[in-house]
C-alpha atoms as a PDB file:
ATOM      1  CA  MET A   1       2.323   0.231  66.591  1.00  0.00           C
ATOM      2  CA  LEU A   2       2.793  -3.814  67.304  1.00  0.00           C
ATOM      3  CA  ASP A   3       1.670  -4.359  63.870  1.00  0.00           C
ATOM      4  CA  LYS A   4       4.302  -2.254  62.768  1.00  0.00           C
ATOM      5  CA  GLU A   5       6.766  -3.825  64.992  1.00  0.00           C
ATOM      6  CA  ILE A   6       5.998  -7.634  64.043  1.00  0.00           C
ATOM      7  CA  LEU A   7       5.995  -7.029  59.924  1.00  0.00           C
ATOM      8  CA  GLU A   8       9.444  -5.678  60.927  1.00  0.00           C
ATOM      9  CA  LEU A   9      10.453  -8.396  63.212  1.00  0.00           C
ATOM     10  CA  GLN A  10       9.247 -10.542  60.381  1.00  0.00           C
ATOM     11  CA  LYS A  11      11.518  -8.914  57.474  1.00  0.00           C
ATOM     12  CA  GLU A  12      14.566  -9.187  59.771  1.00  0.00           C
ATOM     13  CA  SER A  13      13.561 -13.091  60.492  1.00  0.00           C
ATOM     14  CA  GLN A  14      13.412 -13.577  56.904  1.00  0.00           C
ATOM     15  CA  ILE A  15      17.004 -11.533  56.310  1.00  0.00           C
ATOM     16  CA  HIS A  16      18.941 -14.053  59.461  1.00  0.00           C
ATOM     17  CA  ASN A  17      17.559 -16.842  57.896  1.00  0.00           C
ATOM     18  CA  ASP A  18      15.773 -17.984  60.926  1.00  0.00           C
ATOM     19  CA  VAL A  19      12.492 -19.549  59.761  1.00  0.00           C
ATOM     20  CA  PRO A  20      12.068 -22.986  60.129  1.00  0.00           C
ATOM     21  CA  LEU A  21      12.350 -25.522  56.951  1.00  0.00           C
ATOM     22  CA  ASN A  22       8.999 -26.525  55.672  1.00  0.00           C
ATOM     23  CA  PRO A  23       8.860 -30.440  56.473  1.00  0.00           C
ATOM     24  CA  ALA A  24       8.556 -33.113  53.523  1.00  0.00           C
ATOM     25  CA  TRP A  25       6.204 -36.010  55.071  1.00  0.00           C
ATOM     26  CA  CYS A  26       6.013 -39.677  54.193  1.00  0.00           C
ATOM     27  CA  SER A  27       2.671 -39.653  54.400  1.00  0.00           C
ATOM     28  CA  ASP A  28       2.668 -43.875  54.815  1.00  0.00           C
ATOM     29  CA  THR A  29       5.546 -44.276  57.176  1.00  0.00           C
ATOM     30  CA  HIS A  30       4.667 -40.699  59.094  1.00  0.00           C
ATOM     31  CA  GLU A  31       9.097 -40.631  59.027  1.00  0.00           C
ATOM     32  CA  ASN A  32      10.819 -37.540  58.619  1.00  0.00           C
ATOM     33  CA  THR A  33      14.205 -37.759  56.386  1.00  0.00           C
ATOM     34  CA  PHE A  34      16.317 -34.744  56.680  1.00  0.00           C
ATOM     35  CA  ASN A  35      18.678 -34.647  53.732  1.00  0.00           C
ATOM     36  CA  ALA A  36      20.542 -31.658  54.641  1.00  0.00           C
ATOM     37  CA  SER A  37      24.210 -32.166  53.410  1.00  0.00           C
ATOM     38  CA  THR A  38      25.926 -31.617  57.189  1.00  0.00           C
ATOM     39  CA  ILE A  39      25.088 -30.199  60.221  1.00  0.00           C
ATOM     40  CA  LEU A  40      27.642 -28.344  63.229  1.00  0.00           C
ATOM     41  CA  VAL A  41      28.336 -31.120  66.005  1.00  0.00           C
ATOM     42  CA  SER A  42      30.849 -28.647  67.473  1.00  0.00           C
ATOM     43  CA  ASP A  43      33.618 -26.657  66.412  1.00  0.00           C
ATOM     44  CA  GLY A  44      34.114 -27.414  62.990  1.00  0.00           C
ATOM     45  CA  GLU A  45      33.138 -30.997  63.096  1.00  0.00           C
ATOM     46  CA  THR A  46      30.158 -32.004  61.373  1.00  0.00           C
ATOM     47  CA  VAL A  47      28.305 -35.019  60.764  1.00  0.00           C
ATOM     48  CA  ASP A  48      25.922 -36.166  57.997  1.00  0.00           C
ATOM     49  CA  SER A  49      22.334 -35.282  58.456  1.00  0.00           C
ATOM     50  CA  ASP A  50      20.566 -38.268  56.445  1.00  0.00           C
ATOM     51  CA  PHE A  51      19.230 -39.643  59.517  1.00  0.00           C
ATOM     52  CA  HIS A  52      15.628 -40.405  60.460  1.00  0.00           C
ATOM     53  CA  ILE A  53      13.236 -39.267  63.270  1.00  0.00           C
ATOM     54  CA  VAL A  54      10.269 -41.302  63.694  1.00  0.00           C
ATOM     55  CA  VAL A  55       6.791 -38.657  64.295  1.00  0.00           C
ATOM     56  CA  SER A  56       3.428 -39.300  65.896  1.00  0.00           C
ATOM     57  CA  ASP A  57      -0.032 -37.530  65.762  1.00  0.00           C
ATOM     58  CA  LEU A  58      -0.644 -36.675  69.139  1.00  0.00           C
ATOM     59  CA  GLU A  59      -3.883 -34.291  69.883  1.00  0.00           C
ATOM     60  CA  SER A  60      -3.736 -30.775  71.413  1.00  0.00           C
ATOM     61  CA  ASP A  61      -5.668 -28.493  73.504  1.00  0.00           C
ATOM     62  CA  ASP A  62      -3.372 -25.493  73.092  1.00  0.00           C
ATOM     63  CA  GLU A  63      -5.531 -23.015  70.305  1.00  0.00           C
ATOM     64  CA  GLU A  64      -2.007 -21.450  69.281  1.00  0.00           C
ATOM     65  CA  SER A  65      -0.565 -24.666  68.825  1.00  0.00           C
ATOM     66  CA  ASN A  66       0.831 -24.439  65.163  1.00  0.00           C
ATOM     67  CA  LEU A  67       2.108 -27.977  65.306  1.00  0.00           C
ATOM     68  CA  LEU A  68       1.407 -30.266  62.698  1.00  0.00           C
ATOM     69  CA  LEU A  69       2.847 -34.011  64.161  1.00  0.00           C
ATOM     70  CA  THR A  70       5.075 -34.167  67.139  1.00  0.00           C
ATOM     71  CA  ILE A  71       8.450 -35.659  66.963  1.00  0.00           C
ATOM     72  CA  CYS A  72       8.991 -38.165  69.635  1.00  0.00           C
ATOM     73  CA  ILE A  73      12.387 -37.956  71.332  1.00  0.00           C
ATOM     74  CA  PHE A  74      11.464 -39.655  74.129  1.00  0.00           C
ATOM     75  CA  ASP A  75      10.574 -43.368  74.280  1.00  0.00           C
ATOM     76  CA  THR A  76       8.939 -45.033  77.357  1.00  0.00           C
ATOM     77  CA  PHE A  77      12.607 -45.603  78.766  1.00  0.00           C
ATOM     78  CA  THR A  78      13.938 -42.602  78.221  1.00  0.00           C
ATOM     79  CA  LEU A  79      11.331 -40.645  79.796  1.00  0.00           C
ATOM     80  CA  SER A  80      11.501 -43.861  82.848  1.00  0.00           C
ATOM     81  CA  GLN A  81      15.382 -42.902  83.211  1.00  0.00           C
ATOM     82  CA  ILE A  82      14.748 -38.800  83.368  1.00  0.00           C
ATOM     83  CA  HIS A  83      11.887 -39.866  86.513  1.00  0.00           C
ATOM     84  CA  HIS A  84      14.240 -41.613  88.184  1.00  0.00           C
ATOM     85  CA  CYS A  85      16.881 -38.731  87.863  1.00  0.00           C
ATOM     86  CA  ILE A  86      14.190 -36.075  88.924  1.00  0.00           C
ATOM     87  CA  ALA A  87      12.843 -38.779  91.951  1.00  0.00           C
ATOM     88  CA  ASN A  88      16.860 -39.621  92.745  1.00  0.00           C
ATOM     89  CA  THR A  89      18.364 -36.473  92.708  1.00  0.00           C
ATOM     90  CA  VAL A  90      18.951 -34.212  95.901  1.00  0.00           C
ATOM     91  CA  ILE A  91      18.038 -30.683  95.700  1.00  0.00           C
ATOM     92  CA  PRO A  92      18.044 -27.774  98.125  1.00  0.00           C
ATOM     93  CA  THR A  93      14.203 -27.564  99.404  1.00  0.00           C
ATOM     94  CA  TRP A  94      13.431 -24.104  98.615  1.00  0.00           C
ATOM     95  CA  ILE A  95      13.376 -25.389  94.644  1.00  0.00           C
ATOM     96  CA  ASP A  96      10.142 -26.597  93.280  1.00  0.00           C
ATOM     97  CA  TRP A  97      10.190 -30.256  91.927  1.00  0.00           C
ATOM     98  CA  PRO A  98       9.028 -30.777  88.322  1.00  0.00           C
ATOM     99  CA  PRO A  99       6.197 -32.950  87.902  1.00  0.00           C
ATOM    100  CA  SER A 100       6.532 -36.488  88.672  1.00  0.00           C
ATOM    101  CA  ASN A 101       4.409 -37.493  85.851  1.00  0.00           C
ATOM    102  CA  LEU A 102       6.705 -35.342  83.728  1.00  0.00           C
ATOM    103  CA  GLY A 103       5.877 -35.660  79.712  1.00  0.00           C
ATOM    104  CA  GLU A 104       2.580 -36.508  80.329  1.00  0.00           C
ATOM    105  CA  LYS A 105      -0.372 -34.235  79.241  1.00  0.00           C
ATOM    106  CA  SER A 106      -2.273 -34.517  83.167  1.00  0.00           C
ATOM    107  CA  HIS A 107      -0.061 -32.122  84.618  1.00  0.00           C
ATOM    108  CA  GLY A 108      -0.831 -29.472  82.067  1.00  0.00           C
ATOM    109  CA  LYS A 109       1.555 -27.089  80.834  1.00  0.00           C
ATOM    110  CA  LEU A 110       5.313 -26.025  82.394  1.00  0.00           C
ATOM    111  CA  LYS A 111       5.529 -22.679  83.768  1.00  0.00           C
ATOM    112  CA  ALA A 112       8.902 -21.246  83.211  1.00  0.00           C
ATOM    113  CA  ASP A 113      10.209 -21.703  86.732  1.00  0.00           C
ATOM    114  CA  GLN A 114       9.545 -25.323  86.299  1.00  0.00           C
ATOM    115  CA  TRP A 115      11.130 -25.174  82.800  1.00  0.00           C
ATOM    116  CA  LEU A 116      14.416 -23.603  84.176  1.00  0.00           C
ATOM    117  CA  ILE A 117      14.677 -25.639  86.538  1.00  0.00           C
ATOM    118  CA  LEU A 118      14.746 -28.801  84.231  1.00  0.00           C
ATOM    119  CA  PHE A 119      17.355 -27.420  81.848  1.00  0.00           C
ATOM    120  CA  THR A 120      19.581 -26.049  84.574  1.00  0.00           C
ATOM    121  CA  ILE A 121      19.381 -29.458  87.604  1.00  0.00           C
ATOM    122  CA  PHE A 122      17.607 -32.425  85.760  1.00  0.00           C
ATOM    123  CA  LEU A 123      17.785 -32.229  81.926  1.00  0.00           C
ATOM    124  CA  PRO A 124      21.727 -32.175  82.251  1.00  0.00           C
ATOM    125  CA  LEU A 125      22.398 -34.813  84.589  1.00  0.00           C
ATOM    126  CA  ILE A 126      20.599 -37.334  82.595  1.00  0.00           C
ATOM    127  CA  LEU A 127      20.471 -36.719  78.661  1.00  0.00           C
ATOM    128  CA  PRO A 128      23.593 -36.082  77.639  1.00  0.00           C
ATOM    129  CA  GLU A 129      24.498 -39.596  79.745  1.00  0.00           C
ATOM    130  CA  LEU A 130      21.429 -40.806  77.800  1.00  0.00           C
ATOM    131  CA  TRP A 131      22.198 -39.645  74.531  1.00  0.00           C
ATOM    132  CA  SER A 132      26.029 -40.334  74.199  1.00  0.00           C
ATOM    133  CA  LYS A 133      25.503 -44.037  75.193  1.00  0.00           C
ATOM    134  CA  ASN A 134      23.968 -44.519  71.771  1.00  0.00           C
ATOM    135  CA  ILE A 135      26.134 -41.854  69.623  1.00  0.00           C
ATOM    136  CA  SER A 136      23.814 -41.969  66.556  1.00  0.00           C
ATOM    137  CA  GLN A 137      23.637 -39.340  64.084  1.00  0.00           C
ATOM    138  CA  GLN A 138      20.816 -38.167  65.618  1.00  0.00           C
ATOM    139  CA  ASN A 139      21.418 -38.449  69.094  1.00  0.00           C
ATOM    140  CA  ALA A 140      24.902 -36.392  68.326  1.00  0.00           C
ATOM    141  CA  VAL A 141      22.661 -33.589  66.634  1.00  0.00           C
ATOM    142  CA  LEU A 142      19.922 -33.869  69.641  1.00  0.00           C
ATOM    143  CA  LEU A 143      23.124 -33.581  72.164  1.00  0.00           C
ATOM    144  CA  LYS A 144      24.865 -30.478  70.338  1.00  0.00           C
ATOM    145  CA  ASN A 145      21.808 -28.659  70.064  1.00  0.00           C
ATOM    146  CA  PHE A 146      20.688 -29.607  73.975  1.00  0.00           C
ATOM    147  CA  HIS A 147      24.148 -28.169  74.549  1.00  0.00           C
ATOM    148  CA  ASP A 148      23.679 -24.977  72.952  1.00  0.00           C
ATOM    149  CA  LEU A 149      20.619 -24.266  74.905  1.00  0.00           C
ATOM    150  CA  VAL A 150      21.860 -24.987  78.254  1.00  0.00           C
ATOM    151  CA  ALA A 151      24.771 -23.229  77.273  1.00  0.00           C
ATOM    152  CA  CYS A 152      22.734 -19.868  76.655  1.00  0.00           C
ATOM    153  CA  THR A 153      20.132 -20.380  79.561  1.00  0.00           C
ATOM    154  CA  HIS A 154      23.598 -20.320  82.137  1.00  0.00           C
ATOM    155  CA  ILE A 155      24.715 -17.256  80.380  1.00  0.00           C
ATOM    156  CA  ILE A 156      21.670 -15.283  80.795  1.00  0.00           C
ATOM    157  CA  LEU A 157      21.210 -16.305  84.456  1.00  0.00           C
ATOM    158  CA  SER A 158      25.166 -15.285  84.963  1.00  0.00           C
ATOM    159  CA  HIS A 159      25.271 -12.440  87.795  1.00  0.00           C
ATOM    160  CA  GLU A 160      27.810 -10.905  85.295  1.00  0.00           C
ATOM    161  CA  THR A 161      27.860 -10.257  81.745  1.00  0.00           C
ATOM    162  CA  SER A 162      30.491  -9.264  79.555  1.00  0.00           C
ATOM    163  CA  SER A 163      31.425  -8.731  75.742  1.00  0.00           C
ATOM    164  CA  THR A 164      33.179 -12.388  75.860  1.00  0.00           C
ATOM    165  CA  MET A 165      29.997 -13.833  77.266  1.00  0.00           C
ATOM    166  CA  ALA A 166      27.660 -11.758  74.552  1.00  0.00           C
ATOM    167  CA  ILE A 167      29.269 -13.256  71.770  1.00  0.00           C
ATOM    168  CA  SER A 168      29.340 -16.749  73.452  1.00  0.00           C
ATOM    169  CA  PHE A 169      25.502 -16.756  73.692  1.00  0.00           C
ATOM    170  CA  GLY A 170      25.311 -14.882  70.289  1.00  0.00           C
ATOM    171  CA  LYS A 171      27.318 -18.029  68.618  1.00  0.00           C
ATOM    172  CA  HIS A 172      25.365 -20.502  71.094  1.00  0.00           C
ATOM    173  CA  TYR A 173      22.054 -19.471  70.179  1.00  0.00           C
ATOM    174  CA  LEU A 174      22.562 -18.910  66.390  1.00  0.00           C
ATOM    175  CA  GLN A 175      23.830 -23.262  66.537  1.00  0.00           C
ATOM    176  CA  TYR A 176      20.697 -24.028  68.232  1.00  0.00           C
ATOM    177  CA  CYS A 177      18.232 -22.379  66.169  1.00  0.00           C
ATOM    178  CA  LYS A 178      20.062 -23.750  62.953  1.00  0.00           C
ATOM    179  CA  SER A 179      20.237 -27.583  64.549  1.00  0.00           C
ATOM    180  CA  SER A 180      16.181 -26.781  65.666  1.00  0.00           C
ATOM    181  CA  GLN A 181      15.369 -26.410  62.224  1.00  0.00           C
ATOM    182  CA  LEU A 182      16.457 -29.421  61.232  1.00  0.00           C
ATOM    183  CA  LEU A 183      15.642 -31.673  64.057  1.00  0.00           C
ATOM    184  CA  PHE A 184      12.036 -29.672  64.319  1.00  0.00           C
ATOM    185  CA  PRO A 185      11.044 -28.586  60.993  1.00  0.00           C
ATOM    186  CA  ASN A 186       7.228 -28.674  62.200  1.00  0.00           C
ATOM    187  CA  VAL A 187       7.782 -26.587  64.850  1.00  0.00           C
ATOM    188  CA  LEU A 188       7.254 -22.894  63.494  1.00  0.00           C
ATOM    189  CA  SER A 189       9.544 -20.134  65.040  1.00  0.00           C
ATOM    190  CA  ARG A 190       7.717 -17.623  67.465  1.00  0.00           C
ATOM    191  CA  LEU A 191       8.466 -13.847  68.429  1.00  0.00           C
ATOM    192  CA  ASN A 192      10.362 -15.164  71.237  1.00  0.00           C
ATOM    193  CA  HIS A 193      13.171 -17.002  69.251  1.00  0.00           C
ATOM    194  CA  HIS A 194      13.672 -13.880  67.196  1.00  0.00           C
ATOM    195  CA  TYR A 195      13.458 -11.413  70.716  1.00  0.00           C
ATOM    196  CA  ALA A 196      16.697 -13.823  71.957  1.00  0.00           C
ATOM    197  CA  MET A 197      18.662 -13.146  69.055  1.00  0.00           C
ATOM    198  CA  HIS A 198      18.896  -9.079  70.539  1.00  0.00           C
ATOM    199  CA  ILE A 199      19.817 -10.758  73.901  1.00  0.00           C
ATOM    200  CA  PRO A 200      23.882 -10.102  72.925  1.00  0.00           C
ATOM    201  CA  ASP A 201      22.979  -6.730  72.204  1.00  0.00           C
ATOM    202  CA  LEU A 202      21.521  -6.144  75.989  1.00  0.00           C
ATOM    203  CA  LEU A 203      24.031  -8.612  77.239  1.00  0.00           C
END
């Protein structure tokens, strides 16, 4: 039964074109250039997507990982600013703090509630500030991608729902998936990415 469902999901993924693009890597420089004509940044606004993201090889103990290369989004300075934000933000005592060494391999995999705390409290405080200081094409697309994901997260966490919220979720999630394919072409789509496309129906 599960095999049949997986096959149906794979067919549906191809119909909705939510399978990531194949990366074209430059083996000499380990840079990936995205040459899609335009990327949606906000309603009605587009930017040329001819920007570069430097990637680096990282070892992984995750047997299920399908990553060929990992895109390095946070440099040392950015990560230090995130650490500073986490250390200096006042939060209720009943909320668990994210790892103080966030971004290092030693803290292991983050749990779902840790990701939730990061995306609802800490990262919205610091990433827009960092990415809007240097509004390059890459940062503009990263910021829009992040905004769409956070918007979806807040809709899901809401204690109420409506047709308007369902439509809004679908719009943000579709834009998130499209920009993710361009930003992270080496990251393969998972079943959870597809399942989330059914959330508007559930809402």
